[in-house]
Amino acid sequence: MKGSVEAYLGREVTVTVDRPAGSAHPEHPNIIYPINYGFIAGEPAPDGEELDAYLLGVDAPVSSFRGRVIAVVLRRDDAEDKLVVAPDGFRYSAESIAAAVWFQERWFDSEVVTWRG
Protein backbone atom coordinates (compact mmCIF):
# COMPACT_ATOMS: atom_id res chain seq x y z
CA MET A 1 0.00 0.00 0.00
CA LYS A 2 1.11 3.52 -0.66
CA GLY A 3 1.99 5.79 2.21
CA SER A 4 0.54 4.94 5.57
CA VAL A 5 -3.07 4.12 4.68
CA GLU A 6 -2.59 0.57 5.92
CA ALA A 7 -2.26 2.03 9.43
CA TYR A 8 -5.94 3.02 9.26
CA LEU A 9 -7.27 -0.53 8.82
CA GLY A 10 -9.27 -1.44 11.91
CA ARG A 11 -9.14 2.04 13.42
CA GLU A 12 -12.14 4.05 14.53
CA VAL A 13 -12.43 7.34 12.66
CA THR A 14 -14.96 10.12 12.21
CA VAL A 15 -16.00 10.79 8.64
CA THR A 16 -17.13 14.34 7.86
CA VAL A 17 -19.60 13.78 5.03
CA ASP A 18 -19.42 16.52 2.40
CA ARG A 19 -21.14 14.46 -0.30
CA PRO A 20 -24.14 12.76 1.31
CA ALA A 21 -25.94 9.86 -0.31
CA GLY A 22 -28.10 11.14 -3.17
CA SER A 23 -26.01 14.25 -3.87
CA ALA A 24 -24.23 15.10 -7.13
CA HIS A 25 -20.48 15.36 -7.59
CA PRO A 26 -19.53 19.07 -7.45
CA GLU A 27 -17.60 18.98 -10.75
CA HIS A 28 -19.43 16.15 -12.53
CA PRO A 29 -23.17 16.53 -11.88
CA ASN A 30 -23.95 13.30 -13.77
CA ILE A 31 -22.23 11.35 -10.96
CA ILE A 32 -24.68 10.83 -8.10
CA TYR A 33 -23.34 9.47 -4.82
CA PRO A 34 -25.33 6.35 -3.89
CA ILE A 35 -23.47 6.22 -0.56
CA ASN A 36 -22.15 8.83 1.88
CA TYR A 37 -18.66 10.11 1.05
CA GLY A 38 -16.42 12.47 2.92
CA PHE A 39 -13.09 12.93 4.61
CA ILE A 40 -11.21 12.43 7.85
CA ALA A 41 -10.62 15.92 9.26
CA GLY A 42 -7.00 16.68 10.04
CA GLU A 43 -5.65 13.63 8.20
CA PRO A 44 -3.71 14.81 5.13
CA ALA A 45 -3.78 12.94 1.83
CA PRO A 46 -1.17 13.03 -0.95
CA ASP A 47 -3.35 15.40 -3.02
CA GLY A 48 -3.02 18.12 -0.38
CA GLU A 49 -6.61 17.70 0.82
CA GLU A 50 -7.83 15.61 3.72
CA LEU A 51 -8.01 11.81 3.45
CA ASP A 52 -11.23 10.70 1.72
CA ALA A 53 -13.55 7.95 2.90
CA TYR A 54 -16.53 6.02 1.59
CA LEU A 55 -19.15 5.24 4.26
CA LEU A 56 -20.98 1.92 3.94
CA GLY A 57 -23.81 0.57 6.09
CA VAL A 58 -25.45 3.97 6.61
CA ASP A 59 -28.12 4.38 3.94
CA ALA A 60 -29.55 7.77 4.95
CA PRO A 61 -27.62 10.97 4.21
CA VAL A 62 -25.61 12.06 7.27
CA SER A 63 -23.26 14.96 8.01
CA SER A 64 -20.76 12.91 10.02
CA PHE A 65 -20.34 9.39 11.30
CA ARG A 66 -17.92 7.57 13.60
CA GLY A 67 -17.11 4.08 12.41
CA ARG A 68 -14.34 1.58 11.72
CA VAL A 69 -12.04 1.45 8.70
CA ILE A 70 -12.88 -1.93 7.17
CA ALA A 71 -11.02 -1.55 3.88
CA VAL A 72 -8.87 0.63 1.70
CA VAL A 73 -9.41 1.28 -2.00
CA LEU A 74 -5.95 1.34 -3.53
CA ARG A 75 -5.66 3.39 -6.69
CA ARG A 76 -2.80 2.30 -8.91
CA ASP A 77 -3.20 5.29 -11.25
CA ASP A 78 -3.88 8.07 -8.73
CA ALA A 79 -1.98 9.54 -5.80
CA GLU A 80 -4.82 9.13 -3.34
CA ASP A 81 -6.19 5.91 -1.86
CA LYS A 82 -9.61 5.93 -0.17
CA LEU A 83 -10.71 4.56 3.18
CA VAL A 84 -13.89 2.50 3.53
CA VAL A 85 -15.65 3.06 6.86
CA ALA A 86 -18.64 1.17 8.29
CA PRO A 87 -20.48 0.87 11.61
CA ASP A 88 -18.81 -1.44 14.13
CA GLY A 89 -19.58 -5.07 13.39
CA PHE A 90 -20.32 -4.51 9.70
CA ARG A 91 -18.18 -6.54 7.30
CA TYR A 92 -18.24 -6.57 3.51
CA SER A 93 -16.34 -8.66 1.00
CA ALA A 94 -13.85 -6.94 -1.30
CA GLU A 95 -16.24 -7.67 -4.17
CA SER A 96 -19.24 -6.05 -2.49
CA ILE A 97 -17.17 -2.99 -1.55
CA ALA A 98 -15.92 -2.71 -5.15
CA ALA A 99 -19.53 -2.84 -6.36
CA ALA A 100 -20.62 -0.15 -3.86
CA VAL A 101 -17.86 2.29 -4.89
CA TRP A 102 -17.93 1.49 -8.61
CA PHE A 103 -19.84 4.71 -9.36
CA GLN A 104 -16.58 6.60 -8.76
CA GLU A 105 -13.83 3.98 -8.91
CA ARG A 106 -14.78 2.95 -12.46
CA TRP A 107 -12.60 5.85 -13.62
CA PHE A 108 -9.52 4.45 -11.85
CA ASP A 109 -7.43 1.29 -11.79
CA SER A 110 -8.15 0.31 -8.22
CA GLU A 111 -8.42 -2.67 -5.91
CA VAL A 112 -10.01 -3.19 -2.50
CA VAL A 113 -7.98 -4.47 0.46
CA THR A 114 -10.13 -5.50 3.44
CA TRP A 115 -9.34 -5.51 7.14
CA ARG A 116 -8.87 -8.99 8.56
CA GLY A 117 -9.53 -8.06 12.20
C-alpha atoms as a PDB file:
ATOM      1  CA  MET A   1       0.000   0.000   0.000  1.00  0.00           C
ATOM      2  CA  LYS A   2       1.108   3.521  -0.657  1.00  0.00           C
ATOM      3  CA  GLY A   3       1.993   5.791   2.211  1.00  0.00           C
ATOM      4  CA  SER A   4       0.541   4.941   5.575  1.00  0.00           C
ATOM      5  CA  VAL A   5      -3.067   4.122   4.677  1.00  0.00           C
ATOM      6  CA  GLU A   6      -2.590   0.571   5.924  1.00  0.00           C
ATOM      7  CA  ALA A   7      -2.258   2.033   9.427  1.00  0.00           C
ATOM      8  CA  TYR A   8      -5.944   3.020   9.256  1.00  0.00           C
ATOM      9  CA  LEU A   9      -7.267  -0.528   8.816  1.00  0.00           C
ATOM     10  CA  GLY A  10      -9.274  -1.443  11.908  1.00  0.00           C
ATOM     11  CA  ARG A  11      -9.136   2.043  13.422  1.00  0.00           C
ATOM     12  CA  GLU A  12     -12.138   4.050  14.527  1.00  0.00           C
ATOM     13  CA  VAL A  13     -12.425   7.342  12.661  1.00  0.00           C
ATOM     14  CA  THR A  14     -14.957  10.115  12.215  1.00  0.00           C
ATOM     15  CA  VAL A  15     -15.997  10.788   8.639  1.00  0.00           C
ATOM     16  CA  THR A  16     -17.131  14.341   7.863  1.00  0.00           C
ATOM     17  CA  VAL A  17     -19.595  13.784   5.029  1.00  0.00           C
ATOM     18  CA  ASP A  18     -19.422  16.518   2.400  1.00  0.00           C
ATOM     19  CA  ARG A  19     -21.143  14.458  -0.295  1.00  0.00           C
ATOM     20  CA  PRO A  20     -24.143  12.761   1.313  1.00  0.00           C
ATOM     21  CA  ALA A  21     -25.944   9.857  -0.311  1.00  0.00           C
ATOM     22  CA  GLY A  22     -28.105  11.140  -3.174  1.00  0.00           C
ATOM     23  CA  SER A  23     -26.011  14.253  -3.867  1.00  0.00           C
ATOM     24  CA  ALA A  24     -24.235  15.095  -7.130  1.00  0.00           C
ATOM     25  CA  HIS A  25     -20.477  15.358  -7.592  1.00  0.00           C
ATOM     26  CA  PRO A  26     -19.530  19.070  -7.446  1.00  0.00           C
ATOM     27  CA  GLU A  27     -17.602  18.982 -10.750  1.00  0.00           C
ATOM     28  CA  HIS A  28     -19.426  16.148 -12.535  1.00  0.00           C
ATOM     29  CA  PRO A  29     -23.174  16.527 -11.884  1.00  0.00           C
ATOM     30  CA  ASN A  30     -23.948  13.303 -13.774  1.00  0.00           C
ATOM     31  CA  ILE A  31     -22.227  11.349 -10.964  1.00  0.00           C
ATOM     32  CA  ILE A  32     -24.676  10.828  -8.098  1.00  0.00           C
ATOM     33  CA  TYR A  33     -23.338   9.475  -4.820  1.00  0.00           C
ATOM     34  CA  PRO A  34     -25.334   6.354  -3.885  1.00  0.00           C
ATOM     35  CA  ILE A  35     -23.467   6.223  -0.557  1.00  0.00           C
ATOM     36  CA  ASN A  36     -22.153   8.826   1.876  1.00  0.00           C
ATOM     37  CA  TYR A  37     -18.662  10.106   1.048  1.00  0.00           C
ATOM     38  CA  GLY A  38     -16.423  12.465   2.921  1.00  0.00           C
ATOM     39  CA  PHE A  39     -13.093  12.925   4.614  1.00  0.00           C
ATOM     40  CA  ILE A  40     -11.212  12.432   7.851  1.00  0.00           C
ATOM     41  CA  ALA A  41     -10.619  15.925   9.263  1.00  0.00           C
ATOM     42  CA  GLY A  42      -6.996  16.676  10.044  1.00  0.00           C
ATOM     43  CA  GLU A  43      -5.649  13.632   8.197  1.00  0.00           C
ATOM     44  CA  PRO A  44      -3.706  14.808   5.128  1.00  0.00           C
ATOM     45  CA  ALA A  45      -3.780  12.938   1.828  1.00  0.00           C
ATOM     46  CA  PRO A  46      -1.174  13.034  -0.950  1.00  0.00           C
ATOM     47  CA  ASP A  47      -3.353  15.397  -3.022  1.00  0.00           C
ATOM     48  CA  GLY A  48      -3.019  18.123  -0.376  1.00  0.00           C
ATOM     49  CA  GLU A  49      -6.607  17.700   0.823  1.00  0.00           C
ATOM     50  CA  GLU A  50      -7.834  15.611   3.724  1.00  0.00           C
ATOM     51  CA  LEU A  51      -8.008  11.813   3.451  1.00  0.00           C
ATOM     52  CA  ASP A  52     -11.233  10.701   1.724  1.00  0.00           C
ATOM     53  CA  ALA A  53     -13.553   7.950   2.902  1.00  0.00           C
ATOM     54  CA  TYR A  54     -16.526   6.015   1.593  1.00  0.00           C
ATOM     55  CA  LEU A  55     -19.155   5.241   4.263  1.00  0.00           C
ATOM     56  CA  LEU A  56     -20.979   1.917   3.942  1.00  0.00           C
ATOM     57  CA  GLY A  57     -23.809   0.574   6.090  1.00  0.00           C
ATOM     58  CA  VAL A  58     -25.452   3.972   6.611  1.00  0.00           C
ATOM     59  CA  ASP A  59     -28.123   4.377   3.944  1.00  0.00           C
ATOM     60  CA  ALA A  60     -29.553   7.766   4.949  1.00  0.00           C
ATOM     61  CA  PRO A  61     -27.624  10.970   4.213  1.00  0.00           C
ATOM     62  CA  VAL A  62     -25.606  12.062   7.268  1.00  0.00           C
ATOM     63  CA  SER A  63     -23.260  14.963   8.007  1.00  0.00           C
ATOM     64  CA  SER A  64     -20.764  12.914  10.022  1.00  0.00           C
ATOM     65  CA  PHE A  65     -20.338   9.391  11.303  1.00  0.00           C
ATOM     66  CA  ARG A  66     -17.922   7.573  13.603  1.00  0.00           C
ATOM     67  CA  GLY A  67     -17.106   4.076  12.407  1.00  0.00           C
ATOM     68  CA  ARG A  68     -14.344   1.581  11.724  1.00  0.00           C
ATOM     69  CA  VAL A  69     -12.043   1.451   8.698  1.00  0.00           C
ATOM     70  CA  ILE A  70     -12.885  -1.930   7.173  1.00  0.00           C
ATOM     71  CA  ALA A  71     -11.016  -1.554   3.885  1.00  0.00           C
ATOM     72  CA  VAL A  72      -8.866   0.631   1.698  1.00  0.00           C
ATOM     73  CA  VAL A  73      -9.412   1.281  -2.000  1.00  0.00           C
ATOM     74  CA  LEU A  74      -5.947   1.345  -3.528  1.00  0.00           C
ATOM     75  CA  ARG A  75      -5.661   3.390  -6.691  1.00  0.00           C
ATOM     76  CA  ARG A  76      -2.800   2.302  -8.911  1.00  0.00           C
ATOM     77  CA  ASP A  77      -3.202   5.290 -11.249  1.00  0.00           C
ATOM     78  CA  ASP A  78      -3.882   8.070  -8.726  1.00  0.00           C
ATOM     79  CA  ALA A  79      -1.980   9.536  -5.796  1.00  0.00           C
ATOM     80  CA  GLU A  80      -4.817   9.129  -3.338  1.00  0.00           C
ATOM     81  CA  ASP A  81      -6.187   5.911  -1.862  1.00  0.00           C
ATOM     82  CA  LYS A  82      -9.605   5.928  -0.172  1.00  0.00           C
ATOM     83  CA  LEU A  83     -10.709   4.560   3.180  1.00  0.00           C
ATOM     84  CA  VAL A  84     -13.886   2.495   3.535  1.00  0.00           C
ATOM     85  CA  VAL A  85     -15.651   3.057   6.858  1.00  0.00           C
ATOM     86  CA  ALA A  86     -18.639   1.167   8.295  1.00  0.00           C
ATOM     87  CA  PRO A  87     -20.482   0.871  11.611  1.00  0.00           C
ATOM     88  CA  ASP A  88     -18.805  -1.437  14.126  1.00  0.00           C
ATOM     89  CA  GLY A  89     -19.578  -5.070  13.394  1.00  0.00           C
ATOM     90  CA  PHE A  90     -20.317  -4.509   9.703  1.00  0.00           C
ATOM     91  CA  ARG A  91     -18.181  -6.544   7.305  1.00  0.00           C
ATOM     92  CA  TYR A  92     -18.235  -6.569   3.514  1.00  0.00           C
ATOM     93  CA  SER A  93     -16.342  -8.658   1.001  1.00  0.00           C
ATOM     94  CA  ALA A  94     -13.854  -6.943  -1.299  1.00  0.00           C
ATOM     95  CA  GLU A  95     -16.241  -7.667  -4.170  1.00  0.00           C
ATOM     96  CA  SER A  96     -19.245  -6.046  -2.485  1.00  0.00           C
ATOM     97  CA  ILE A  97     -17.169  -2.986  -1.553  1.00  0.00           C
ATOM     98  CA  ALA A  98     -15.919  -2.711  -5.145  1.00  0.00           C
ATOM     99  CA  ALA A  99     -19.535  -2.836  -6.361  1.00  0.00           C
ATOM    100  CA  ALA A 100     -20.618  -0.146  -3.855  1.00  0.00           C
ATOM    101  CA  VAL A 101     -17.863   2.291  -4.888  1.00  0.00           C
ATOM    102  CA  TRP A 102     -17.934   1.493  -8.612  1.00  0.00           C
ATOM    103  CA  PHE A 103     -19.842   4.715  -9.359  1.00  0.00           C
ATOM    104  CA  GLN A 104     -16.580   6.596  -8.763  1.00  0.00           C
ATOM    105  CA  GLU A 105     -13.832   3.977  -8.912  1.00  0.00           C
ATOM    106  CA  ARG A 106     -14.785   2.948 -12.461  1.00  0.00           C
ATOM    107  CA  TRP A 107     -12.599   5.847 -13.622  1.00  0.00           C
ATOM    108  CA  PHE A 108      -9.521   4.446 -11.850  1.00  0.00           C
ATOM    109  CA  ASP A 109      -7.430   1.291 -11.794  1.00  0.00           C
ATOM    110  CA  SER A 110      -8.155   0.307  -8.217  1.00  0.00           C
ATOM    111  CA  GLU A 111      -8.422  -2.669  -5.907  1.00  0.00           C
ATOM    112  CA  VAL A 112     -10.008  -3.192  -2.497  1.00  0.00           C
ATOM    113  CA  VAL A 113      -7.980  -4.472   0.457  1.00  0.00           C
ATOM    114  CA  THR A 114     -10.127  -5.501   3.440  1.00  0.00           C
ATOM    115  CA  TRP A 115      -9.342  -5.508   7.142  1.00  0.00           C
ATOM    116  CA  ARG A 116      -8.872  -8.987   8.564  1.00  0.00           C
ATOM    117  CA  GLY A 117      -9.532  -8.061  12.205  1.00  0.00           C
END
